[in-house]
Amino acid sequence: MPINTILTASKYSEALDKTFVQKSATSFFADNVLRAKFVGAKSVIIPDVDFAGLVDYDRDSGFARGAMTINQETYTMAMDRARSIQIDREDEDETGIANLAGKILGEYVRTKVVPECDAYVISKLFSFSTSANNAVVYESGKELAHITNAINGVRRIVGYDEELVAFVESDFYAALENSPEISRYITVSNFRKGEMDFQVKSINGVALIPVVPERMKSAYTFATSGDTNAGGFVPNEGAKTIRLIVMPKSGAHLVKKTEKMRVFSPEQNIDADAYKFDYRIYYDVFVKKSEEESIQAVYSN
C-alpha cells in the first residue's frame, strides 16, 4: 500500500511528540527554551540576564546608571539517539499499516524513549544539586521533613512566587500518601505541560511528580551504536537512588534540536520488503549558572 512518506513522517512525528509530552515526567522543561538559539551542530545559546540593584535617587544628578549584563552562555548537546524499526509488509493487519505503525511507534516512545530521556534529565539535575552541596541523605520515616526542608531551601533562593516541582521516587511518594500526618497536606492541582493540562497531587503548592525507581538513579550508561545488545540504558554500578528533587518549574531547559521520523515504504526500502521507520531525537537538558543552586535533592546510597 503506497503512502505519502513526507506527510506520514510529519504526522507520526507530531503524534510521537504528543506521546512524549504526555508520558515523560520531565517533558515540561521543553516549555522553557523559547529564547534558545542554536549555533553549529552541537551547541545552543541560552541567555542569562543579570541587573544592578537599586540605589538612592539623587535630586541634583538624577538617576544613577545601572548595568545590565546578558551572558550568552553556550551549552553543548550530548544526547543524539536513534533507532530504525521495520514492519514487514505481511505483518500489516486489517486496520492498515498507518494504524499498525502508529501503535508500534507510540509504544516504542512510551517504553524506550521516555524512560531514557527522563533518566538522563533527572540524573543530570541531581548532579547540579550535589555540586552545590544541596543533596542530603535520605532517612526513612522523615519524608515530610525532607520535602519541607527541600521546598524551603529552594524558596530561600528563588522566592515564594516561583512555581516549584518535586520529582518523587515511588517509595518516597507512597510514604507521603500513606502517612496520615502527611496526607492531609496533599491536594490536587492543575499542572501544564506544553498545550496540555494535567491533574497532579501537590504539597504546600508544589506539584508532586512520581517517578519509577529505574529513572531515579544518579548515573547511567547509555548504549552506543557499536553495542550488540538491545540498546537503551542501565544504571551504573554503585549509582545512588534519588529519592527527591525539588526545583523551580522554569529552572531547567530541555532542548530538542531534532525529533524526527523518516518513513520508507517497502518499495523505497532497499534492505527488506518492509516499512521502515527511522526515529531520531537529539536533545539535552541545561541549567543556567545563575539557577544551579536552586535544586535540592534527597538520595540514598
Protein backbone atom coordinates (compact mmCIF):
# COMPACT_ATOMS: atom_id res chain seq x y z
CA MET A 1 0.00 0.00 0.00
CA PRO A 2 1.70 3.26 -1.12
CA ILE A 3 1.91 6.04 1.42
CA ASN A 4 2.81 9.72 1.25
CA THR A 5 6.08 9.37 3.16
CA ILE A 6 6.67 13.08 3.77
CA LEU A 7 3.16 13.73 5.08
CA THR A 8 3.16 10.48 7.06
CA ALA A 9 6.52 11.25 8.65
CA SER A 10 5.24 14.66 9.73
CA LYS A 11 2.07 13.18 11.23
CA TYR A 12 3.98 10.45 13.06
CA SER A 13 6.49 12.95 14.46
CA GLU A 14 3.68 15.17 15.72
CA ALA A 15 1.85 12.23 17.31
CA LEU A 16 5.01 10.84 18.92
CA ASP A 17 5.90 14.25 20.34
CA LYS A 18 2.44 14.37 21.93
CA THR A 19 3.05 10.93 23.44
CA PHE A 20 6.40 12.15 24.76
CA VAL A 21 4.76 15.16 26.45
CA GLN A 22 2.02 13.02 27.98
CA LYS A 23 4.21 10.21 29.32
CA SER A 24 7.50 11.88 30.22
CA ALA A 25 7.95 13.19 33.76
CA THR A 26 10.39 15.87 32.58
CA SER A 27 8.90 16.94 29.22
CA PHE A 28 7.58 20.26 30.60
CA PHE A 29 11.16 21.58 30.74
CA ALA A 30 10.87 21.97 26.95
CA ASP A 31 8.47 24.86 27.63
CA ASN A 32 11.40 26.91 28.99
CA VAL A 33 13.54 27.18 25.83
CA LEU A 34 11.79 29.85 23.78
CA ARG A 35 14.89 32.06 23.74
CA ALA A 36 17.36 29.29 22.96
CA LYS A 37 19.41 29.79 19.79
CA PHE A 38 21.31 27.05 18.00
CA VAL A 39 24.86 27.78 16.89
CA GLY A 40 26.53 25.00 14.96
CA ALA A 41 25.65 21.33 15.08
CA LYS A 42 26.02 20.66 18.80
CA SER A 43 25.75 23.98 20.63
CA VAL A 44 22.89 26.12 21.86
CA ILE A 45 22.97 29.59 23.42
CA ILE A 46 20.68 30.33 26.36
CA PRO A 47 20.88 33.94 27.63
CA ASP A 48 21.28 34.61 31.33
CA VAL A 49 20.35 38.17 32.39
CA ASP A 50 21.63 39.97 35.49
CA PHE A 51 20.90 43.52 36.68
CA ALA A 52 22.44 46.05 39.03
CA GLY A 53 20.32 46.76 42.11
CA LEU A 54 18.58 49.95 43.12
CA VAL A 55 20.40 52.91 44.68
CA ASP A 56 19.21 56.17 46.23
CA TYR A 57 17.82 58.76 43.83
CA ASP A 58 19.96 61.93 43.72
CA ARG A 59 17.86 65.12 43.44
CA ASP A 60 20.73 67.00 41.86
CA SER A 61 22.18 64.48 39.40
CA GLY A 62 19.07 62.35 38.94
CA PHE A 63 19.23 58.68 38.13
CA ALA A 64 22.35 56.61 38.68
CA ARG A 65 23.08 54.41 35.71
CA GLY A 66 22.97 50.68 36.37
CA ALA A 67 24.48 47.90 34.37
CA MET A 68 22.54 45.08 32.75
CA THR A 69 24.59 42.03 31.90
CA ILE A 70 23.42 39.48 29.35
CA ASN A 71 25.64 36.43 29.42
CA GLN A 72 25.23 34.44 26.23
CA GLU A 73 26.10 31.06 27.69
CA THR A 74 26.89 28.33 25.18
CA TYR A 75 25.91 24.78 26.08
CA THR A 76 26.90 21.62 24.21
CA MET A 77 24.28 18.96 23.50
CA ALA A 78 25.26 15.38 24.27
CA MET A 79 22.34 13.04 23.60
CA ASP A 80 21.98 12.16 19.91
CA ARG A 81 19.90 8.97 19.97
CA ALA A 82 18.25 6.97 17.21
CA ARG A 83 16.78 3.63 16.17
CA SER A 84 15.42 2.12 12.96
CA ILE A 85 12.29 -0.04 13.15
CA GLN A 86 10.92 -2.25 10.37
CA ILE A 87 7.43 -3.70 9.93
CA ASP A 88 7.20 -6.47 7.36
CA ARG A 89 4.70 -5.88 4.58
CA GLU A 90 2.88 -9.11 5.54
CA ASP A 91 2.52 -8.03 9.19
CA GLU A 92 0.07 -5.34 8.24
CA ASP A 93 -3.26 -6.05 9.99
CA GLU A 94 -6.81 -5.26 8.97
CA THR A 95 -6.54 -1.68 10.26
CA GLY A 96 -3.82 -0.85 7.72
CA ILE A 97 -0.14 -0.05 8.06
CA ALA A 98 -0.76 3.52 9.26
CA ASN A 99 -2.67 2.39 12.37
CA LEU A 100 -0.37 -0.57 12.99
CA ALA A 101 2.75 1.58 12.73
CA GLY A 102 1.19 4.26 14.91
CA LYS A 103 0.55 1.76 17.69
CA ILE A 104 4.02 0.24 17.44
CA LEU A 105 5.87 3.56 17.30
CA GLY A 106 3.76 5.04 20.10
CA GLU A 107 4.61 2.05 22.26
CA TYR A 108 8.30 2.45 21.37
CA VAL A 109 8.31 6.07 22.52
CA ARG A 110 6.39 5.19 25.69
CA THR A 111 8.55 2.21 26.70
CA LYS A 112 12.00 3.14 25.37
CA VAL A 113 12.36 6.84 24.54
CA VAL A 114 10.52 8.38 27.50
CA PRO A 115 12.22 6.29 30.24
CA GLU A 116 15.67 7.02 28.83
CA CYS A 117 15.07 10.76 28.48
CA ASP A 118 13.66 11.01 31.99
CA ALA A 119 16.56 9.02 33.45
CA TYR A 120 19.13 11.22 31.73
CA VAL A 121 17.44 14.51 32.66
CA ILE A 122 16.85 13.59 36.31
CA SER A 123 20.39 12.24 36.80
CA LYS A 124 21.83 15.44 35.35
CA LEU A 125 19.64 17.61 37.57
CA PHE A 126 20.84 15.62 40.57
CA SER A 127 24.45 16.34 39.61
CA PHE A 128 23.76 20.07 39.99
CA SER A 129 22.38 19.55 43.49
CA THR A 130 25.47 17.63 44.57
CA SER A 131 27.80 20.21 43.03
CA ALA A 132 26.05 22.90 45.08
CA ASN A 133 26.08 20.74 48.25
CA ASN A 134 22.29 20.73 48.21
CA ALA A 135 21.82 16.95 48.39
CA VAL A 136 21.16 15.21 51.70
CA VAL A 137 20.98 11.53 52.68
CA TYR A 138 17.52 10.01 52.98
CA GLU A 139 16.18 8.93 56.37
CA SER A 140 13.17 6.61 56.33
CA GLY A 141 10.19 7.97 58.23
CA LYS A 142 11.25 11.58 57.75
CA GLU A 143 9.63 12.15 54.35
CA LEU A 144 7.66 15.22 55.48
CA ALA A 145 10.78 16.82 56.95
CA HIS A 146 12.76 16.01 53.81
CA ILE A 147 10.29 17.53 51.38
CA THR A 148 9.56 20.53 53.61
CA ASN A 149 13.26 21.30 54.04
CA ALA A 150 13.86 20.91 50.30
CA ILE A 151 10.97 23.24 49.43
CA ASN A 152 12.14 25.83 51.94
CA GLY A 153 15.70 25.53 50.63
CA VAL A 154 14.59 26.30 47.09
CA ARG A 155 12.29 29.13 48.15
CA ARG A 156 15.08 30.78 50.14
CA ILE A 157 16.91 31.15 46.84
CA VAL A 158 14.17 31.86 44.27
CA GLY A 159 11.49 33.42 46.45
CA TYR A 160 7.89 32.48 47.07
CA ASP A 161 6.30 33.48 43.76
CA GLU A 162 8.10 30.84 41.66
CA GLU A 163 6.21 27.66 40.74
CA LEU A 164 8.08 24.64 42.11
CA VAL A 165 8.02 20.96 41.15
CA ALA A 166 9.11 17.84 43.01
CA PHE A 167 10.27 14.64 41.33
CA VAL A 168 9.45 11.93 43.84
CA GLU A 169 10.73 8.33 43.75
CA SER A 170 7.99 5.68 44.04
CA ASP A 171 8.68 4.50 47.61
CA PHE A 172 9.07 8.08 48.86
CA TYR A 173 5.80 9.00 47.12
CA ALA A 174 4.00 6.03 48.70
CA ALA A 175 5.26 7.06 52.14
CA LEU A 176 3.83 10.55 51.60
CA GLU A 177 0.44 9.20 50.55
CA ASN A 178 0.19 6.55 53.25
CA SER A 179 1.14 8.72 56.19
CA PRO A 180 -1.90 10.22 57.98
CA GLU A 181 0.34 13.05 59.15
CA ILE A 182 1.35 13.97 55.62
CA SER A 183 -1.70 13.06 53.51
CA ARG A 184 -3.75 15.91 54.95
CA TYR A 185 -1.29 18.35 53.37
CA ILE A 186 -1.73 16.81 49.91
CA THR A 187 -4.15 18.46 47.48
CA VAL A 188 -4.93 18.14 43.76
CA SER A 189 -3.92 20.93 41.40
CA ASN A 190 -3.53 21.70 37.70
CA PHE A 191 -0.18 21.18 36.01
CA ARG A 192 0.56 22.34 32.48
CA LYS A 193 2.88 20.58 30.04
CA GLY A 194 3.05 22.16 26.60
CA GLU A 195 -0.52 22.65 25.41
CA MET A 196 -1.94 20.03 27.78
CA ASP A 197 -3.26 20.34 31.33
CA PHE A 198 -2.92 17.53 33.87
CA GLN A 199 -4.24 16.90 37.36
CA VAL A 200 -1.42 16.22 39.84
CA LYS A 201 -1.14 15.96 43.59
CA SER A 202 0.71 18.73 45.36
CA ILE A 203 2.00 19.57 48.80
CA ASN A 204 2.40 23.14 50.03
CA GLY A 205 1.62 24.25 46.48
CA VAL A 206 4.43 22.17 44.95
CA ALA A 207 3.44 19.68 42.24
CA LEU A 208 4.42 16.10 43.07
CA ILE A 209 5.61 14.13 40.05
CA PRO A 210 6.05 10.44 40.91
CA VAL A 211 8.86 8.69 39.02
CA VAL A 212 9.62 4.97 38.89
CA PRO A 213 12.91 3.89 40.52
CA GLU A 214 14.65 2.95 37.24
CA ARG A 215 14.59 6.62 36.21
CA MET A 216 15.79 7.92 39.60
CA LYS A 217 19.47 6.94 39.66
CA SER A 218 22.46 9.26 39.88
CA ALA A 219 24.35 7.87 36.86
CA TYR A 220 23.67 5.71 33.80
CA THR A 221 25.45 4.07 30.90
CA PHE A 222 23.73 4.65 27.56
CA ALA A 223 24.19 2.16 24.76
CA THR A 224 26.32 3.24 21.81
CA SER A 225 25.85 2.40 18.13
CA GLY A 226 28.58 -0.23 18.43
CA ASP A 227 26.85 -2.18 21.19
CA THR A 228 25.45 -5.57 20.15
CA ASN A 229 22.87 -5.76 22.95
CA ALA A 230 19.30 -4.49 22.94
CA GLY A 231 20.39 -0.88 23.41
CA GLY A 232 18.83 1.50 25.90
CA PHE A 233 20.40 2.39 29.25
CA VAL A 234 21.36 0.82 32.58
CA PRO A 235 22.24 2.37 35.96
CA ASN A 236 25.94 2.49 36.73
CA GLU A 237 27.24 0.13 39.37
CA GLY A 238 27.13 1.92 42.71
CA ALA A 239 24.75 4.62 41.44
CA LYS A 240 22.78 6.39 44.16
CA THR A 241 18.99 6.21 44.34
CA ILE A 242 17.46 9.66 44.04
CA ARG A 243 14.51 9.92 46.40
CA LEU A 244 13.51 13.52 45.80
CA ILE A 245 14.38 16.54 43.68
CA VAL A 246 12.73 19.91 44.31
CA MET A 247 13.36 22.84 41.95
CA PRO A 248 11.65 25.69 40.08
CA LYS A 249 9.50 24.53 37.19
CA SER A 250 11.33 27.04 35.00
CA GLY A 251 14.75 26.06 36.37
CA ALA A 252 15.85 23.73 33.56
CA HIS A 253 15.75 23.88 29.78
CA LEU A 254 15.06 20.74 27.75
CA VAL A 255 16.37 21.45 24.27
CA LYS A 256 15.32 19.14 21.46
CA LYS A 257 17.12 20.10 18.25
CA THR A 258 15.88 17.05 16.40
CA GLU A 259 12.91 14.82 16.99
CA LYS A 260 12.25 13.41 13.56
CA MET A 261 10.74 10.42 11.88
CA ARG A 262 11.70 9.18 8.40
CA VAL A 263 9.29 6.77 6.72
CA PHE A 264 10.10 4.40 3.85
CA SER A 265 7.62 2.18 2.06
CA PRO A 266 8.64 -1.38 1.03
CA GLU A 267 9.27 -0.04 -2.48
CA GLN A 268 11.70 2.54 -1.08
CA ASN A 269 13.35 0.22 1.45
CA ILE A 270 16.33 -1.42 -0.28
CA ASP A 271 17.10 -3.73 2.67
CA ALA A 272 13.82 -5.58 3.15
CA ASP A 273 10.25 -5.92 1.93
CA ALA A 274 9.08 -3.90 4.87
CA TYR A 275 8.02 -0.49 6.01
CA LYS A 276 10.99 1.26 7.61
CA PHE A 277 10.75 3.93 10.29
CA ASP A 278 13.86 5.86 11.36
CA TYR A 279 13.39 7.70 14.65
CA ARG A 280 15.94 10.22 15.94
CA ILE A 281 15.91 12.51 18.98
CA TYR A 282 18.78 14.93 19.62
CA TYR A 283 18.39 16.59 22.99
CA ASP A 284 19.91 17.72 26.27
CA VAL A 285 18.88 19.50 29.43
CA PHE A 286 20.62 22.61 30.69
CA VAL A 287 20.50 24.71 33.84
CA LYS A 288 21.68 28.31 33.78
CA LYS A 289 24.63 29.03 36.03
CA SER A 290 22.52 31.51 37.98
CA GLU A 291 19.97 28.76 38.72
CA GLU A 292 22.25 25.81 39.54
CA GLU A 293 21.93 26.33 43.31
CA SER A 294 18.13 26.24 43.21
CA ILE A 295 17.95 22.43 43.02
CA GLN A 296 17.54 20.46 46.26
CA ALA A 297 17.77 16.67 46.42
CA VAL A 298 17.46 13.70 48.78
CA TYR A 299 19.22 10.42 47.98
CA SER A 300 20.21 7.06 49.41
CA ASN A 301 23.34 5.04 48.67
